[in-house]
Amino acid sequence: MLKLRIITALCLIPVVLGAIFLLPLPFFALFATAVYLLAGREWGRFIDTQKSNVVMVFLALVLVALMASVPIEHIWADGLHGWVGMVLNAGALWWLCALPLVLRYPASRALWQDRTWLKAVFALLSLVPFFWSLLVLRSYHYEQNPHYGAWLLLFVMALVWAADTGAYFAGKTFGKHKLCPSVSPGKTLEGMIGGVIAACALALAVTYAVDLPGAQRNAVLLASMVAVLASVLGDLVESMFKREAGLKDSGNILPGHGGIMDRIDSLTAALPIFIVVYQLAGQG
């Protein structure tokens, strides 16, 4: 299994990096749409394994409606204070609401367990802000430098990867106190702290290496820290819904890794939270 995971990862890395750095923004939007739809289908399995395609179509229709209202080339300049800004803020509010659902699970499932429509709303609030976050970050200063946003998107993704790696090793070495045993028994408080420290170290190194102005550096560091904490929540939320649905993995499209949601669960929370916090810090 480990060998299969490594092979799959080695195949995925160039695909993801190529999409981020080599695709023009409209084609990157198509790539992001494919990820969104595959993730939507898997989210549908959390709701009802027999209606996963229905959920995907529902999410697709919502996305089409939103994309028709915002010019892709001007997402950062025009979108943050328009429809896209509303979507991202709604996503941030959803993750605030998701926190008590995770902390109080399994008692909290009484609120949503038998409400298919509510779980569909959860899917909407998880995936639509994630999709727009990909485009917002990728389009940052796109007209001045087409690759500036690519580096910014990679930076936020790297924060999550650093947090995952740090959490794994810190948890293995120091882990004693369970973080949320009813949702994900393997995660520990020590692992989470180790992941946050690793991600913060990366954020400090990058912000000083590129010599950002003081106010912007502080905004990036604050957004990075909150985004990393949100990434842990994103992982736990997916684990909660998988557990409730009786699923080990969200899918099987990625050999050795499971489904698309298993790989982007942390990012669904981290990306919109990073943008919202960065904007609230006065840098949007």
C-alpha atoms as a PDB file:
ATOM      1  CA  MET A   1       0.000   0.000   0.000  1.00  0.00           C
ATOM      2  CA  LEU A   2       2.831   2.413   0.840  1.00  0.00           C
ATOM      3  CA  LYS A   3       4.475   1.755  -2.522  1.00  0.00           C
ATOM      4  CA  LEU A   4       1.158   2.392  -4.293  1.00  0.00           C
ATOM      5  CA  ARG A   5       0.661   5.647  -2.370  1.00  0.00           C
ATOM      6  CA  ILE A   6       4.130   6.851  -3.339  1.00  0.00           C
ATOM      7  CA  ILE A   7       3.626   6.007  -7.022  1.00  0.00           C
ATOM      8  CA  THR A   8       0.267   7.797  -7.076  1.00  0.00           C
ATOM      9  CA  ALA A   9       1.758  10.843  -5.336  1.00  0.00           C
ATOM     10  CA  LEU A  10       4.653  10.981  -7.810  1.00  0.00           C
ATOM     11  CA  CYS A  11       2.119  11.001 -10.644  1.00  0.00           C
ATOM     12  CA  LEU A  12      -0.120  13.611  -9.022  1.00  0.00           C
ATOM     13  CA  ILE A  13       2.556  16.156  -8.141  1.00  0.00           C
ATOM     14  CA  PRO A  14       3.550  17.057 -11.725  1.00  0.00           C
ATOM     15  CA  VAL A  15      -0.127  17.140 -12.771  1.00  0.00           C
ATOM     16  CA  VAL A  16      -1.036  19.575  -9.997  1.00  0.00           C
ATOM     17  CA  LEU A  17       2.050  21.752 -10.445  1.00  0.00           C
ATOM     18  CA  GLY A  18       1.588  21.758 -14.213  1.00  0.00           C
ATOM     19  CA  ALA A  19      -2.034  22.849 -13.839  1.00  0.00           C
ATOM     20  CA  ILE A  20      -1.105  25.642 -11.421  1.00  0.00           C
ATOM     21  CA  PHE A  21       1.867  27.056 -13.314  1.00  0.00           C
ATOM     22  CA  LEU A  22       1.365  26.140 -16.957  1.00  0.00           C
ATOM     23  CA  LEU A  23      -2.358  26.500 -17.603  1.00  0.00           C
ATOM     24  CA  PRO A  24      -3.719  29.946 -18.515  1.00  0.00           C
ATOM     25  CA  LEU A  25      -6.377  31.099 -16.056  1.00  0.00           C
ATOM     26  CA  PRO A  26      -9.421  29.985 -18.148  1.00  0.00           C
ATOM     27  CA  PHE A  27      -7.954  26.482 -18.563  1.00  0.00           C
ATOM     28  CA  PHE A  28      -6.990  26.378 -14.880  1.00  0.00           C
ATOM     29  CA  ALA A  29     -10.650  27.156 -14.170  1.00  0.00           C
ATOM     30  CA  LEU A  30     -11.611  24.071 -16.194  1.00  0.00           C
ATOM     31  CA  PHE A  31      -9.123  21.974 -14.221  1.00  0.00           C
ATOM     32  CA  ALA A  32     -10.555  23.327 -10.957  1.00  0.00           C
ATOM     33  CA  THR A  33     -14.064  22.562 -12.224  1.00  0.00           C
ATOM     34  CA  ALA A  34     -13.114  18.927 -12.838  1.00  0.00           C
ATOM     35  CA  VAL A  35     -11.748  18.640  -9.282  1.00  0.00           C
ATOM     36  CA  TYR A  36     -14.881  20.333  -7.933  1.00  0.00           C
ATOM     37  CA  LEU A  37     -17.245  17.984  -9.759  1.00  0.00           C
ATOM     38  CA  LEU A  38     -15.354  14.835  -8.751  1.00  0.00           C
ATOM     39  CA  ALA A  39     -15.306  16.048  -5.141  1.00  0.00           C
ATOM     40  CA  GLY A  40     -19.006  16.861  -5.406  1.00  0.00           C
ATOM     41  CA  ARG A  41     -19.806  13.350  -6.523  1.00  0.00           C
ATOM     42  CA  GLU A  42     -17.882  11.970  -3.543  1.00  0.00           C
ATOM     43  CA  TRP A  43     -19.642  14.385  -1.192  1.00  0.00           C
ATOM     44  CA  GLY A  44     -22.846  12.940  -2.596  1.00  0.00           C
ATOM     45  CA  ARG A  45     -21.817   9.557  -1.204  1.00  0.00           C
ATOM     46  CA  PHE A  46     -21.680  11.108   2.269  1.00  0.00           C
ATOM     47  CA  ILE A  47     -25.298  12.170   1.793  1.00  0.00           C
ATOM     48  CA  ASP A  48     -26.724   9.148  -0.035  1.00  0.00           C
ATOM     49  CA  THR A  49     -24.680   6.561  -1.904  1.00  0.00           C
ATOM     50  CA  GLN A  50     -27.545   6.099  -4.367  1.00  0.00           C
ATOM     51  CA  LYS A  51     -27.806   9.811  -5.235  1.00  0.00           C
ATOM     52  CA  SER A  52     -24.203  10.927  -5.587  1.00  0.00           C
ATOM     53  CA  ASN A  53     -24.695  11.934  -9.234  1.00  0.00           C
ATOM     54  CA  VAL A  54     -27.741  14.022  -8.303  1.00  0.00           C
ATOM     55  CA  VAL A  55     -25.648  15.959  -5.784  1.00  0.00           C
ATOM     56  CA  MET A  56     -22.929  16.484  -8.399  1.00  0.00           C
ATOM     57  CA  VAL A  57     -25.455  17.895 -10.887  1.00  0.00           C
ATOM     58  CA  PHE A  58     -26.873  20.190  -8.194  1.00  0.00           C
ATOM     59  CA  LEU A  59     -23.405  21.524  -7.383  1.00  0.00           C
ATOM     60  CA  ALA A  60     -22.618  21.906 -11.080  1.00  0.00           C
ATOM     61  CA  LEU A  61     -25.720  24.032 -11.677  1.00  0.00           C
ATOM     62  CA  VAL A  62     -24.828  26.315  -8.774  1.00  0.00           C
ATOM     63  CA  LEU A  63     -21.312  26.712 -10.106  1.00  0.00           C
ATOM     64  CA  VAL A  64     -22.495  27.528 -13.631  1.00  0.00           C
ATOM     65  CA  ALA A  65     -24.781  30.233 -12.274  1.00  0.00           C
ATOM     66  CA  LEU A  66     -21.978  31.822 -10.270  1.00  0.00           C
ATOM     67  CA  MET A  67     -19.398  31.622 -13.057  1.00  0.00           C
ATOM     68  CA  ALA A  68     -21.777  33.371 -15.442  1.00  0.00           C
ATOM     69  CA  SER A  69     -21.855  36.379 -13.110  1.00  0.00           C
ATOM     70  CA  VAL A  70     -18.104  36.957 -12.587  1.00  0.00           C
ATOM     71  CA  PRO A  71     -15.444  37.540 -15.307  1.00  0.00           C
ATOM     72  CA  ILE A  72     -12.645  35.072 -14.606  1.00  0.00           C
ATOM     73  CA  GLU A  73      -9.899  37.543 -15.505  1.00  0.00           C
ATOM     74  CA  HIS A  74     -11.067  40.014 -12.847  1.00  0.00           C
ATOM     75  CA  ILE A  75     -11.908  37.722  -9.965  1.00  0.00           C
ATOM     76  CA  TRP A  76      -9.433  39.238  -7.529  1.00  0.00           C
ATOM     77  CA  ALA A  77     -10.067  42.871  -8.455  1.00  0.00           C
ATOM     78  CA  ASP A  78     -13.850  42.701  -8.767  1.00  0.00           C
ATOM     79  CA  GLY A  79     -14.926  39.473  -7.154  1.00  0.00           C
ATOM     80  CA  LEU A  80     -13.848  39.828  -3.539  1.00  0.00           C
ATOM     81  CA  HIS A  81     -16.376  42.563  -2.963  1.00  0.00           C
ATOM     82  CA  GLY A  82     -19.112  41.028  -5.121  1.00  0.00           C
ATOM     83  CA  TRP A  83     -20.574  37.552  -5.481  1.00  0.00           C
ATOM     84  CA  VAL A  84     -17.260  35.817  -4.888  1.00  0.00           C
ATOM     85  CA  GLY A  85     -16.702  37.746  -1.679  1.00  0.00           C
ATOM     86  CA  MET A  86     -20.141  36.695  -0.461  1.00  0.00           C
ATOM     87  CA  VAL A  87     -19.392  33.072  -1.319  1.00  0.00           C
ATOM     88  CA  LEU A  88     -16.048  33.121   0.499  1.00  0.00           C
ATOM     89  CA  ASN A  89     -17.554  34.791   3.563  1.00  0.00           C
ATOM     90  CA  ALA A  90     -20.358  32.220   3.576  1.00  0.00           C
ATOM     91  CA  GLY A  91     -17.716  29.498   3.425  1.00  0.00           C
ATOM     92  CA  ALA A  92     -15.850  30.995   6.380  1.00  0.00           C
ATOM     93  CA  LEU A  93     -19.110  31.172   8.351  1.00  0.00           C
ATOM     94  CA  TRP A  94     -19.810  27.524   7.518  1.00  0.00           C
ATOM     95  CA  TRP A  95     -16.494  26.422   8.981  1.00  0.00           C
ATOM     96  CA  LEU A  96     -17.245  28.360  12.177  1.00  0.00           C
ATOM     97  CA  CYS A  97     -20.555  26.487  12.380  1.00  0.00           C
ATOM     98  CA  ALA A  98     -18.868  23.167  11.563  1.00  0.00           C
ATOM     99  CA  LEU A  99     -16.547  23.416  14.563  1.00  0.00           C
ATOM    100  CA  PRO A 100     -19.212  22.720  17.220  1.00  0.00           C
ATOM    101  CA  LEU A 101     -20.679  19.975  15.014  1.00  0.00           C
ATOM    102  CA  VAL A 102     -17.333  18.168  15.135  1.00  0.00           C
ATOM    103  CA  LEU A 103     -16.651  18.858  18.804  1.00  0.00           C
ATOM    104  CA  ARG A 104     -20.103  17.589  19.828  1.00  0.00           C
ATOM    105  CA  TYR A 105     -20.196  14.558  17.534  1.00  0.00           C
ATOM    106  CA  PRO A 106     -21.895  12.070  17.794  1.00  0.00           C
ATOM    107  CA  ALA A 107     -24.549  14.100  19.665  1.00  0.00           C
ATOM    108  CA  SER A 108     -24.555  16.748  16.908  1.00  0.00           C
ATOM    109  CA  ARG A 109     -25.653  14.269  14.243  1.00  0.00           C
ATOM    110  CA  ALA A 110     -29.213  14.580  15.517  1.00  0.00           C
ATOM    111  CA  LEU A 111     -29.254  17.995  13.834  1.00  0.00           C
ATOM    112  CA  TRP A 112     -28.399  16.749  10.341  1.00  0.00           C
ATOM    113  CA  GLN A 113     -28.398  12.942  10.225  1.00  0.00           C
ATOM    114  CA  ASP A 114     -31.820  12.569   8.566  1.00  0.00           C
ATOM    115  CA  ARG A 115     -31.900  15.919   6.765  1.00  0.00           C
ATOM    116  CA  THR A 116     -30.663  15.274   3.235  1.00  0.00           C
ATOM    117  CA  TRP A 117     -31.267  18.872   2.187  1.00  0.00           C
ATOM    118  CA  LEU A 118     -29.123  20.178   5.050  1.00  0.00           C
ATOM    119  CA  LYS A 119     -26.235  17.877   4.156  1.00  0.00           C
ATOM    120  CA  ALA A 120     -26.529  19.116   0.566  1.00  0.00           C
ATOM    121  CA  VAL A 121     -26.151  22.670   1.909  1.00  0.00           C
ATOM    122  CA  PHE A 122     -23.061  21.534   3.820  1.00  0.00           C
ATOM    123  CA  ALA A 123     -21.640  20.186   0.548  1.00  0.00           C
ATOM    124  CA  LEU A 124     -22.409  23.474  -1.169  1.00  0.00           C
ATOM    125  CA  LEU A 125     -20.725  25.527   1.553  1.00  0.00           C
ATOM    126  CA  SER A 126     -17.680  23.250   1.569  1.00  0.00           C
ATOM    127  CA  LEU A 127     -17.006  22.994  -2.158  1.00  0.00           C
ATOM    128  CA  VAL A 128     -18.203  26.214  -3.802  1.00  0.00           C
ATOM    129  CA  PRO A 129     -15.976  28.492  -1.639  1.00  0.00           C
ATOM    130  CA  PHE A 130     -13.114  26.043  -2.207  1.00  0.00           C
ATOM    131  CA  PHE A 131     -13.524  26.325  -5.971  1.00  0.00           C
ATOM    132  CA  TRP A 132     -13.615  30.120  -5.933  1.00  0.00           C
ATOM    133  CA  SER A 133     -10.648  30.213  -3.573  1.00  0.00           C
ATOM    134  CA  LEU A 134      -8.586  28.337  -6.144  1.00  0.00           C
ATOM    135  CA  LEU A 135      -9.456  30.934  -8.793  1.00  0.00           C
ATOM    136  CA  VAL A 136      -9.064  33.927  -6.489  1.00  0.00           C
ATOM    137  CA  LEU A 137      -5.567  32.907  -5.414  1.00  0.00           C
ATOM    138  CA  ARG A 138      -4.537  31.884  -8.924  1.00  0.00           C
ATOM    139  CA  SER A 139      -5.756  35.195 -10.365  1.00  0.00           C
ATOM    140  CA  TYR A 140      -3.939  37.383  -7.825  1.00  0.00           C
ATOM    141  CA  HIS A 141      -2.152  40.142  -9.807  1.00  0.00           C
ATOM    142  CA  TYR A 142      -2.696  37.997 -12.902  1.00  0.00           C
ATOM    143  CA  GLU A 143      -2.544  40.906 -15.338  1.00  0.00           C
ATOM    144  CA  GLN A 144       0.801  42.100 -13.941  1.00  0.00           C
ATOM    145  CA  ASN A 145       2.381  38.654 -13.622  1.00  0.00           C
ATOM    146  CA  PRO A 146       0.531  35.452 -14.650  1.00  0.00           C
ATOM    147  CA  HIS A 147       2.622  33.366 -12.244  1.00  0.00           C
ATOM    148  CA  TYR A 148       2.340  35.497  -9.114  1.00  0.00           C
ATOM    149  CA  GLY A 149      -0.958  33.925  -8.140  1.00  0.00           C
ATOM    150  CA  ALA A 150       0.384  30.471  -8.931  1.00  0.00           C
ATOM    151  CA  TRP A 151       3.112  30.942  -6.321  1.00  0.00           C
ATOM    152  CA  LEU A 152       0.571  32.282  -3.840  1.00  0.00           C
ATOM    153  CA  LEU A 153      -1.713  29.283  -4.354  1.00  0.00           C
ATOM    154  CA  LEU A 154       1.227  26.900  -4.016  1.00  0.00           C
ATOM    155  CA  PHE A 155       2.262  28.688  -0.812  1.00  0.00           C
ATOM    156  CA  VAL A 156      -1.129  28.123   0.851  1.00  0.00           C
ATOM    157  CA  MET A 157      -1.218  24.520  -0.317  1.00  0.00           C
ATOM    158  CA  ALA A 158       2.325  24.010   0.987  1.00  0.00           C
ATOM    159  CA  LEU A 159       1.226  25.311   4.388  1.00  0.00           C
ATOM    160  CA  VAL A 160      -1.349  22.532   4.571  1.00  0.00           C
ATOM    161  CA  TRP A 161       1.150  19.921   3.393  1.00  0.00           C
ATOM    162  CA  ALA A 162       3.701  21.141   5.952  1.00  0.00           C
ATOM    163  CA  ALA A 163       1.046  20.981   8.673  1.00  0.00           C
ATOM    164  CA  ASP A 164       0.105  17.428   7.666  1.00  0.00           C
ATOM    165  CA  THR A 165       3.738  16.330   7.674  1.00  0.00           C
ATOM    166  CA  GLY A 166       4.516  18.045  10.967  1.00  0.00           C
ATOM    167  CA  ALA A 167       1.392  16.589  12.561  1.00  0.00           C
ATOM    168  CA  TYR A 168       2.319  13.075  11.428  1.00  0.00           C
ATOM    169  CA  PHE A 169       5.803  13.116  12.904  1.00  0.00           C
ATOM    170  CA  ALA A 170       4.859  15.056  16.046  1.00  0.00           C
ATOM    171  CA  GLY A 171       1.935  12.733  16.626  1.00  0.00           C
ATOM    172  CA  LYS A 172       4.091   9.643  16.184  1.00  0.00           C
ATOM    173  CA  THR A 173       6.762  11.009  18.538  1.00  0.00           C
ATOM    174  CA  PHE A 174       4.837  12.871  21.210  1.00  0.00           C
ATOM    175  CA  GLY A 175       1.156  12.018  20.691  1.00  0.00           C
ATOM    176  CA  LYS A 176      -0.651  11.126  23.921  1.00  0.00           C
ATOM    177  CA  HIS A 177      -3.819  13.212  24.063  1.00  0.00           C
ATOM    178  CA  LYS A 178      -6.553  12.471  21.515  1.00  0.00           C
ATOM    179  CA  LEU A 179      -7.697  15.514  19.563  1.00  0.00           C
ATOM    180  CA  CYS A 180     -11.206  14.346  18.645  1.00  0.00           C
ATOM    181  CA  PRO A 181     -11.476  10.602  19.336  1.00  0.00           C
ATOM    182  CA  SER A 182     -15.129  10.227  18.363  1.00  0.00           C
ATOM    183  CA  VAL A 183     -14.386  11.576  14.866  1.00  0.00           C
ATOM    184  CA  SER A 184     -10.766  10.619  14.134  1.00  0.00           C
ATOM    185  CA  PRO A 185      -9.150   8.445  16.822  1.00  0.00           C
ATOM    186  CA  GLY A 186      -5.685   8.646  15.263  1.00  0.00           C
ATOM    187  CA  LYS A 187      -5.236  12.403  15.595  1.00  0.00           C
ATOM    188  CA  THR A 188      -3.620  13.872  18.692  1.00  0.00           C
ATOM    189  CA  LEU A 189      -3.356  17.333  20.219  1.00  0.00           C
ATOM    190  CA  GLU A 190       0.429  17.075  20.112  1.00  0.00           C
ATOM    191  CA  GLY A 191       0.276  16.235  16.419  1.00  0.00           C
ATOM    192  CA  MET A 192      -1.875  19.271  15.700  1.00  0.00           C
ATOM    193  CA  ILE A 193       0.525  21.547  17.595  1.00  0.00           C
ATOM    194  CA  GLY A 194       3.476  20.062  15.708  1.00  0.00           C
ATOM    195  CA  GLY A 195       1.708  20.673  12.415  1.00  0.00           C
ATOM    196  CA  VAL A 196       0.935  24.291  13.289  1.00  0.00           C
ATOM    197  CA  ILE A 197       4.560  24.889  14.279  1.00  0.00           C
ATOM    198  CA  ALA A 198       5.835  23.368  11.017  1.00  0.00           C
ATOM    199  CA  ALA A 199       3.451  25.459   8.913  1.00  0.00           C
ATOM    200  CA  CYS A 200       4.257  28.656  10.826  1.00  0.00           C
ATOM    201  CA  ALA A 201       7.971  28.024  10.317  1.00  0.00           C
ATOM    202  CA  LEU A 202       7.359  27.698   6.582  1.00  0.00           C
ATOM    203  CA  ALA A 203       5.274  30.887   6.531  1.00  0.00           C
ATOM    204  CA  LEU A 204       7.982  32.814   8.388  1.00  0.00           C
ATOM    205  CA  ALA A 205      10.694  31.547   6.063  1.00  0.00           C
ATOM    206  CA  VAL A 206       8.756  32.424   2.916  1.00  0.00           C
ATOM    207  CA  THR A 207       7.546  35.861   4.011  1.00  0.00           C
ATOM    208  CA  TYR A 208      11.046  36.934   5.027  1.00  0.00           C
ATOM    209  CA  ALA A 209      12.626  35.382   1.934  1.00  0.00           C
ATOM    210  CA  VAL A 210      10.424  37.435  -0.399  1.00  0.00           C
ATOM    211  CA  ASP A 211      10.923  40.547   1.769  1.00  0.00           C
ATOM    212  CA  LEU A 212       7.279  41.538   2.209  1.00  0.00           C
ATOM    213  CA  PRO A 213       6.454  44.902   3.812  1.00  0.00           C
ATOM    214  CA  GLY A 214       5.730  44.664   7.542  1.00  0.00           C
ATOM    215  CA  ALA A 215       1.940  45.058   7.371  1.00  0.00           C
ATOM    216  CA  GLN A 216       1.587  42.594   4.520  1.00  0.00           C
ATOM    217  CA  ARG A 217       3.908  40.098   6.221  1.00  0.00           C
ATOM    218  CA  ASN A 218       1.837  40.253   9.400  1.00  0.00           C
ATOM    219  CA  ALA A 219      -1.368  39.753   7.420  1.00  0.00           C
ATOM    220  CA  VAL A 220       0.083  36.722   5.618  1.00  0.00           C
ATOM    221  CA  LEU A 221       1.351  35.211   8.884  1.00  0.00           C
ATOM    222  CA  LEU A 222      -2.004  35.704  10.597  1.00  0.00           C
ATOM    223  CA  ALA A 223      -3.908  34.289   7.626  1.00  0.00           C
ATOM    224  CA  SER A 224      -1.485  31.362   7.454  1.00  0.00           C
ATOM    225  CA  MET A 225      -1.922  30.424  11.101  1.00  0.00           C
ATOM    226  CA  VAL A 226      -5.719  30.595  10.991  1.00  0.00           C
ATOM    227  CA  ALA A 227      -5.779  28.697   7.682  1.00  0.00           C
ATOM    228  CA  VAL A 228      -3.672  25.891   9.129  1.00  0.00           C
ATOM    229  CA  LEU A 229      -6.019  25.554  12.104  1.00  0.00           C
ATOM    230  CA  ALA A 230      -8.929  25.533   9.654  1.00  0.00           C
ATOM    231  CA  SER A 231      -7.225  22.781   7.641  1.00  0.00           C
ATOM    232  CA  VAL A 232      -7.390  20.524  10.701  1.00  0.00           C
ATOM    233  CA  LEU A 233     -11.110  21.241  10.947  1.00  0.00           C
ATOM    234  CA  GLY A 234     -11.595  20.483   7.252  1.00  0.00           C
ATOM    235  CA  ASP A 235      -9.993  17.082   7.757  1.00  0.00           C
ATOM    236  CA  LEU A 236     -12.128  16.347  10.818  1.00  0.00           C
ATOM    237  CA  VAL A 237     -15.366  17.406   9.112  1.00  0.00           C
ATOM    238  CA  GLU A 238     -14.764  15.022   6.218  1.00  0.00           C
ATOM    239  CA  SER A 239     -13.902  12.249   8.688  1.00  0.00           C
ATOM    240  CA  MET A 240     -17.143  12.932  10.551  1.00  0.00           C
ATOM    241  CA  PHE A 241     -19.312  12.640   7.448  1.00  0.00           C
ATOM    242  CA  LYS A 242     -17.432   9.557   6.225  1.00  0.00           C
ATOM    243  CA  ARG A 243     -17.878   7.916   9.605  1.00  0.00           C
ATOM    244  CA  GLU A 244     -21.585   8.686   9.588  1.00  0.00           C
ATOM    245  CA  ALA A 245     -21.911   7.264   6.061  1.00  0.00           C
ATOM    246  CA  GLY A 246     -19.929   4.147   6.963  1.00  0.00           C
ATOM    247  CA  LEU A 247     -17.166   4.908   4.447  1.00  0.00           C
ATOM    248  CA  LYS A 248     -13.453   4.349   4.914  1.00  0.00           C
ATOM    249  CA  ASP A 249     -12.509   6.520   1.925  1.00  0.00           C
ATOM    250  CA  SER A 250     -14.463   9.127  -0.007  1.00  0.00           C
ATOM    251  CA  GLY A 251     -13.750   7.227  -3.241  1.00  0.00           C
ATOM    252  CA  ASN A 252     -11.200   5.088  -5.050  1.00  0.00           C
ATOM    253  CA  ILE A 253     -10.101   7.309  -7.926  1.00  0.00           C
ATOM    254  CA  LEU A 254      -6.587   7.730  -6.456  1.00  0.00           C
ATOM    255  CA  PRO A 255      -4.946   4.323  -5.852  1.00  0.00           C
ATOM    256  CA  GLY A 256      -3.580   4.118  -2.340  1.00  0.00           C
ATOM    257  CA  HIS A 257      -5.034   7.501  -1.388  1.00  0.00           C
ATOM    258  CA  GLY A 258      -8.784   7.014  -1.713  1.00  0.00           C
ATOM    259  CA  GLY A 259     -10.834   9.749  -3.322  1.00  0.00           C
ATOM    260  CA  ILE A 260     -10.432  13.382  -4.292  1.00  0.00           C
ATOM    261  CA  MET A 261     -12.046  14.541  -1.038  1.00  0.00           C
ATOM    262  CA  ASP A 262      -9.509  12.530   0.934  1.00  0.00           C
ATOM    263  CA  ARG A 263      -6.803  14.684  -0.623  1.00  0.00           C
ATOM    264  CA  ILE A 264      -8.480  18.092  -0.567  1.00  0.00           C
ATOM    265  CA  ASP A 265     -10.466  17.941   2.695  1.00  0.00           C
ATOM    266  CA  SER A 266      -7.980  20.202   4.517  1.00  0.00           C
ATOM    267  CA  LEU A 267      -7.760  22.581   1.554  1.00  0.00           C
ATOM    268  CA  THR A 268     -11.527  23.065   1.371  1.00  0.00           C
ATOM    269  CA  ALA A 269     -11.300  24.921   4.675  1.00  0.00           C
ATOM    270  CA  ALA A 270      -7.778  26.373   4.494  1.00  0.00           C
ATOM    271  CA  LEU A 271      -8.038  28.192   1.142  1.00  0.00           C
ATOM    272  CA  PRO A 272     -11.184  30.295   1.747  1.00  0.00           C
ATOM    273  CA  ILE A 273     -10.185  30.994   5.357  1.00  0.00           C
ATOM    274  CA  PHE A 274      -6.759  32.240   4.243  1.00  0.00           C
ATOM    275  CA  ILE A 275      -8.325  34.701   1.793  1.00  0.00           C
ATOM    276  CA  VAL A 276     -10.992  35.957   4.205  1.00  0.00           C
ATOM    277  CA  VAL A 277      -8.528  36.489   7.074  1.00  0.00           C
ATOM    278  CA  TYR A 278      -6.011  38.161   4.731  1.00  0.00           C
ATOM    279  CA  GLN A 279      -8.753  40.510   3.551  1.00  0.00           C
ATOM    280  CA  LEU A 280      -9.945  41.248   7.098  1.00  0.00           C
ATOM    281  CA  ALA A 281      -6.366  42.122   7.982  1.00  0.00           C
ATOM    282  CA  GLY A 282      -6.634  44.985   5.531  1.00  0.00           C
ATOM    283  CA  GLN A 283      -4.676  43.483   2.635  1.00  0.00           C
ATOM    284  CA  GLY A 284      -7.538  42.415   0.346  1.00  0.00           C
END
